[in-house]
Amino acid sequence: MGSTSIATQEMGSHETPTTTVVNAVAEIEGIDATELEPLYERIDTDALNVLLDSPKSQIKVAFKYGEYLVEVTKDGDVTVEVGEFTEASSEIRGP
């Protein structure tokens, strides 16, 4: 069974990647973002923000958050998918 994209969201001009991820997952769950497991318990949120804020990076970061696979790109696109996951689902891809 593959993964199925259930949400794609673009980062707002004043949002951090971590805020966009949490808001996207909360919207899918139909709950307030404060009710979710803290994202910092899954990934280094400071590192995610720095990686994606670097003007020279062409990077895509993927990680598991709850039952979802989240992908965040340098362009500010956040995709949330459900499906089967492996340890290889959590990765950082660059050029």
N, C-alpha and C. Protein backbone atom coordinates (compact mmCIF):
# COMPACT_ATOMS: atom_id res chain seq x y z
N MET A 1 0.85 -1.19 0.00
CA MET A 1 0.00 0.00 0.00
C MET A 1 0.89 1.23 0.00
N GLY A 2 0.65 2.18 -0.90
CA GLY A 2 1.44 3.40 -0.97
C GLY A 2 0.84 4.48 -0.11
N SER A 3 1.46 5.64 -0.17
CA SER A 3 0.94 6.75 0.60
C SER A 3 -0.04 7.56 -0.24
N THR A 4 -0.92 8.26 0.43
CA THR A 4 -1.92 9.08 -0.23
C THR A 4 -1.82 10.50 0.31
N SER A 5 -1.66 11.46 -0.59
CA SER A 5 -1.59 12.86 -0.18
C SER A 5 -2.97 13.31 0.26
N ILE A 6 -3.03 13.88 1.45
CA ILE A 6 -4.33 14.35 1.94
C ILE A 6 -4.36 15.85 2.16
N ALA A 7 -3.21 16.50 2.10
CA ALA A 7 -3.20 17.95 2.27
C ALA A 7 -1.91 18.52 1.70
N THR A 8 -2.04 19.64 1.06
CA THR A 8 -0.89 20.41 0.63
C THR A 8 -1.15 21.84 1.04
N GLN A 9 -0.18 22.45 1.65
CA GLN A 9 -0.35 23.82 2.14
C GLN A 9 0.90 24.61 1.82
N GLU A 10 0.71 25.86 1.48
CA GLU A 10 1.85 26.73 1.20
C GLU A 10 2.12 27.58 2.43
N MET A 11 3.39 27.74 2.74
CA MET A 11 3.80 28.51 3.90
C MET A 11 3.47 29.99 3.69
N GLY A 12 2.89 30.60 4.70
CA GLY A 12 2.62 32.04 4.65
C GLY A 12 3.92 32.83 4.74
N SER A 13 3.88 34.06 4.30
CA SER A 13 5.10 34.88 4.26
C SER A 13 5.70 35.14 5.64
N HIS A 14 4.90 35.06 6.69
CA HIS A 14 5.40 35.31 8.04
C HIS A 14 5.36 34.06 8.91
N GLU A 15 5.22 32.90 8.28
CA GLU A 15 5.17 31.64 9.02
C GLU A 15 6.51 30.91 8.92
N THR A 16 6.82 30.18 9.96
CA THR A 16 7.98 29.29 9.90
C THR A 16 7.52 27.95 9.34
N PRO A 17 8.46 27.15 8.83
CA PRO A 17 8.08 25.82 8.35
C PRO A 17 7.40 24.99 9.45
N THR A 18 7.89 25.08 10.67
CA THR A 18 7.30 24.28 11.74
C THR A 18 5.86 24.70 12.05
N THR A 19 5.58 25.98 12.02
CA THR A 19 4.22 26.46 12.23
C THR A 19 3.30 25.96 11.13
N THR A 20 3.76 25.99 9.90
CA THR A 20 2.96 25.53 8.77
C THR A 20 2.65 24.04 8.89
N VAL A 21 3.64 23.25 9.29
CA VAL A 21 3.44 21.81 9.46
C VAL A 21 2.37 21.54 10.52
N VAL A 22 2.53 22.15 11.67
CA VAL A 22 1.58 21.93 12.77
C VAL A 22 0.17 22.37 12.37
N ASN A 23 0.04 23.51 11.71
CA ASN A 23 -1.27 23.99 11.29
C ASN A 23 -1.91 23.06 10.26
N ALA A 24 -1.10 22.52 9.34
CA ALA A 24 -1.63 21.60 8.31
C ALA A 24 -2.16 20.32 8.94
N VAL A 25 -1.39 19.75 9.87
CA VAL A 25 -1.82 18.51 10.51
C VAL A 25 -3.04 18.76 11.41
N ALA A 26 -3.05 19.87 12.11
CA ALA A 26 -4.20 20.20 12.96
C ALA A 26 -5.46 20.37 12.12
N GLU A 27 -5.33 20.98 10.96
CA GLU A 27 -6.48 21.15 10.08
C GLU A 27 -7.03 19.79 9.63
N ILE A 28 -6.14 18.88 9.28
CA ILE A 28 -6.55 17.54 8.87
C ILE A 28 -7.27 16.83 10.00
N GLU A 29 -6.71 16.94 11.20
CA GLU A 29 -7.28 16.28 12.37
C GLU A 29 -8.57 16.96 12.86
N GLY A 30 -8.78 18.20 12.44
CA GLY A 30 -9.96 18.94 12.88
C GLY A 30 -9.86 19.37 14.33
N ILE A 31 -8.62 19.64 14.77
CA ILE A 31 -8.40 20.07 16.15
C ILE A 31 -7.53 21.31 16.17
N ASP A 32 -7.43 21.92 17.34
CA ASP A 32 -6.56 23.07 17.52
C ASP A 32 -5.11 22.58 17.52
N ALA A 33 -4.21 23.37 16.97
CA ALA A 33 -2.80 23.00 16.89
C ALA A 33 -2.20 22.69 18.26
N THR A 34 -2.72 23.31 19.31
CA THR A 34 -2.17 23.08 20.65
C THR A 34 -2.52 21.69 21.19
N GLU A 35 -3.46 21.00 20.54
CA GLU A 35 -3.85 19.66 20.98
C GLU A 35 -2.96 18.56 20.39
N LEU A 36 -2.11 18.91 19.43
CA LEU A 36 -1.22 17.93 18.81
C LEU A 36 0.00 17.64 19.68
N GLU A 37 0.60 16.48 19.44
CA GLU A 37 1.89 16.18 20.06
C GLU A 37 2.86 17.27 19.62
N PRO A 38 3.65 17.82 20.54
CA PRO A 38 4.59 18.87 20.13
C PRO A 38 5.53 18.37 19.04
N LEU A 39 5.66 19.15 17.99
CA LEU A 39 6.51 18.77 16.86
C LEU A 39 7.96 18.60 17.30
N TYR A 40 8.40 19.38 18.29
CA TYR A 40 9.78 19.28 18.76
C TYR A 40 10.09 17.94 19.41
N GLU A 41 9.06 17.15 19.71
CA GLU A 41 9.29 15.81 20.24
C GLU A 41 9.60 14.81 19.12
N ARG A 42 9.37 15.22 17.89
CA ARG A 42 9.62 14.37 16.72
C ARG A 42 10.87 14.76 15.94
N ILE A 43 11.09 16.06 15.80
CA ILE A 43 12.22 16.55 15.02
C ILE A 43 12.83 17.76 15.72
N ASP A 44 14.00 18.15 15.28
CA ASP A 44 14.64 19.37 15.77
C ASP A 44 14.02 20.53 14.98
N THR A 45 13.07 21.22 15.58
CA THR A 45 12.33 22.28 14.88
C THR A 45 13.22 23.46 14.51
N ASP A 46 14.18 23.78 15.35
CA ASP A 46 15.11 24.87 15.02
C ASP A 46 15.91 24.52 13.77
N ALA A 47 16.36 23.26 13.70
CA ALA A 47 17.13 22.82 12.53
C ALA A 47 16.27 22.87 11.26
N LEU A 48 15.01 22.45 11.37
CA LEU A 48 14.12 22.51 10.20
C LEU A 48 13.98 23.94 9.70
N ASN A 49 13.75 24.86 10.61
CA ASN A 49 13.58 26.26 10.23
C ASN A 49 14.85 26.82 9.59
N VAL A 50 16.01 26.50 10.16
CA VAL A 50 17.28 26.99 9.62
C VAL A 50 17.56 26.39 8.24
N LEU A 51 17.37 25.08 8.11
CA LEU A 51 17.61 24.42 6.81
C LEU A 51 16.79 25.04 5.70
N LEU A 52 15.53 25.29 5.99
CA LEU A 52 14.64 25.79 4.95
C LEU A 52 14.70 27.30 4.79
N ASP A 53 15.38 27.97 5.68
CA ASP A 53 15.52 29.42 5.58
C ASP A 53 16.80 29.84 4.87
N SER A 54 17.68 28.88 4.64
CA SER A 54 18.95 29.18 3.98
C SER A 54 18.69 29.58 2.53
N PRO A 55 19.19 30.75 2.11
CA PRO A 55 18.89 31.23 0.76
C PRO A 55 19.49 30.37 -0.35
N LYS A 56 20.51 29.59 -0.04
CA LYS A 56 21.16 28.78 -1.07
C LYS A 56 20.64 27.35 -1.14
N SER A 57 19.82 26.95 -0.20
CA SER A 57 19.42 25.55 -0.17
C SER A 57 18.29 25.25 -1.15
N GLN A 58 18.37 24.11 -1.75
CA GLN A 58 17.30 23.54 -2.56
C GLN A 58 16.99 22.21 -1.91
N ILE A 59 16.29 22.25 -0.82
CA ILE A 59 16.17 21.09 0.04
C ILE A 59 14.71 20.69 0.22
N LYS A 60 14.53 19.41 0.49
CA LYS A 60 13.22 18.88 0.85
C LYS A 60 13.44 18.01 2.08
N VAL A 61 12.64 18.23 3.11
CA VAL A 61 12.75 17.48 4.35
C VAL A 61 11.48 16.66 4.52
N ALA A 62 11.65 15.37 4.82
CA ALA A 62 10.50 14.49 5.04
C ALA A 62 10.66 13.81 6.39
N PHE A 63 9.56 13.70 7.13
CA PHE A 63 9.60 13.06 8.44
C PHE A 63 8.22 12.58 8.82
N LYS A 64 8.18 11.64 9.76
CA LYS A 64 6.92 11.12 10.26
C LYS A 64 6.46 11.99 11.43
N TYR A 65 5.19 12.35 11.43
CA TYR A 65 4.60 13.14 12.52
C TYR A 65 3.25 12.52 12.82
N GLY A 66 3.16 11.82 13.94
CA GLY A 66 1.95 11.07 14.23
C GLY A 66 1.79 9.97 13.20
N GLU A 67 0.62 9.89 12.60
CA GLU A 67 0.37 8.88 11.56
C GLU A 67 0.65 9.41 10.15
N TYR A 68 1.25 10.56 10.05
CA TYR A 68 1.45 11.22 8.76
C TYR A 68 2.91 11.28 8.34
N LEU A 69 3.12 11.30 7.04
CA LEU A 69 4.43 11.61 6.47
C LEU A 69 4.33 13.05 5.99
N VAL A 70 5.20 13.90 6.50
CA VAL A 70 5.19 15.32 6.17
C VAL A 70 6.42 15.62 5.31
N GLU A 71 6.23 16.34 4.21
CA GLU A 71 7.33 16.81 3.38
C GLU A 71 7.26 18.32 3.29
N VAL A 72 8.39 18.97 3.52
CA VAL A 72 8.47 20.42 3.47
C VAL A 72 9.58 20.78 2.50
N THR A 73 9.29 21.68 1.56
CA THR A 73 10.30 22.09 0.59
C THR A 73 10.77 23.51 0.87
N LYS A 74 11.89 23.85 0.29
CA LYS A 74 12.46 25.20 0.41
C LYS A 74 11.48 26.25 -0.10
N ASP A 75 10.66 25.87 -1.09
CA ASP A 75 9.70 26.80 -1.67
C ASP A 75 8.52 27.08 -0.75
N GLY A 76 8.46 26.39 0.39
CA GLY A 76 7.38 26.63 1.34
C GLY A 76 6.19 25.73 1.18
N ASP A 77 6.31 24.70 0.35
CA ASP A 77 5.21 23.76 0.19
C ASP A 77 5.28 22.69 1.27
N VAL A 78 4.15 22.43 1.90
CA VAL A 78 4.05 21.38 2.91
C VAL A 78 3.03 20.38 2.41
N THR A 79 3.44 19.11 2.32
CA THR A 79 2.54 18.04 1.90
C THR A 79 2.42 17.05 3.04
N VAL A 80 1.19 16.68 3.36
CA VAL A 80 0.93 15.71 4.42
C VAL A 80 0.30 14.49 3.77
N GLU A 81 0.86 13.32 4.04
CA GLU A 81 0.38 12.08 3.45
C GLU A 81 0.12 11.05 4.53
N VAL A 82 -0.76 10.10 4.22
CA VAL A 82 -0.95 8.93 5.09
C VAL A 82 -0.53 7.71 4.29
N GLY A 83 -0.12 6.69 4.97
CA GLY A 83 0.30 5.47 4.29
C GLY A 83 1.25 4.68 5.14
N GLU A 84 1.93 3.74 4.50
CA GLU A 84 2.90 2.92 5.20
C GLU A 84 4.22 3.67 5.28
N PHE A 85 4.90 3.52 6.39
CA PHE A 85 6.15 4.23 6.59
C PHE A 85 7.26 3.27 6.95
N THR A 86 8.44 3.64 6.59
CA THR A 86 9.65 2.92 7.00
C THR A 86 10.58 3.94 7.61
N GLU A 87 11.67 3.48 8.20
CA GLU A 87 12.65 4.41 8.74
C GLU A 87 13.19 5.32 7.64
N ALA A 88 13.21 4.83 6.39
CA ALA A 88 13.70 5.63 5.27
C ALA A 88 12.76 6.79 4.96
N SER A 89 11.57 6.81 5.54
CA SER A 89 10.63 7.91 5.29
C SER A 89 11.11 9.21 5.91
N SER A 90 11.97 9.12 6.92
CA SER A 90 12.52 10.33 7.56
C SER A 90 13.88 10.61 6.94
N GLU A 91 13.94 11.64 6.15
CA GLU A 91 15.18 11.94 5.47
C GLU A 91 15.25 13.40 5.07
N ILE A 92 16.45 13.80 4.71
CA ILE A 92 16.68 15.14 4.18
C ILE A 92 17.26 14.94 2.78
N ARG A 93 16.68 15.59 1.81
CA ARG A 93 17.17 15.46 0.45
C ARG A 93 17.61 16.83 -0.05
N GLY A 94 18.76 16.85 -0.65
CA GLY A 94 19.28 18.08 -1.24
C GLY A 94 19.71 17.83 -2.68
N PRO A 95 20.32 18.83 -3.30
CA PRO A 95 20.73 18.67 -4.70
C PRO A 95 21.78 17.60 -4.89
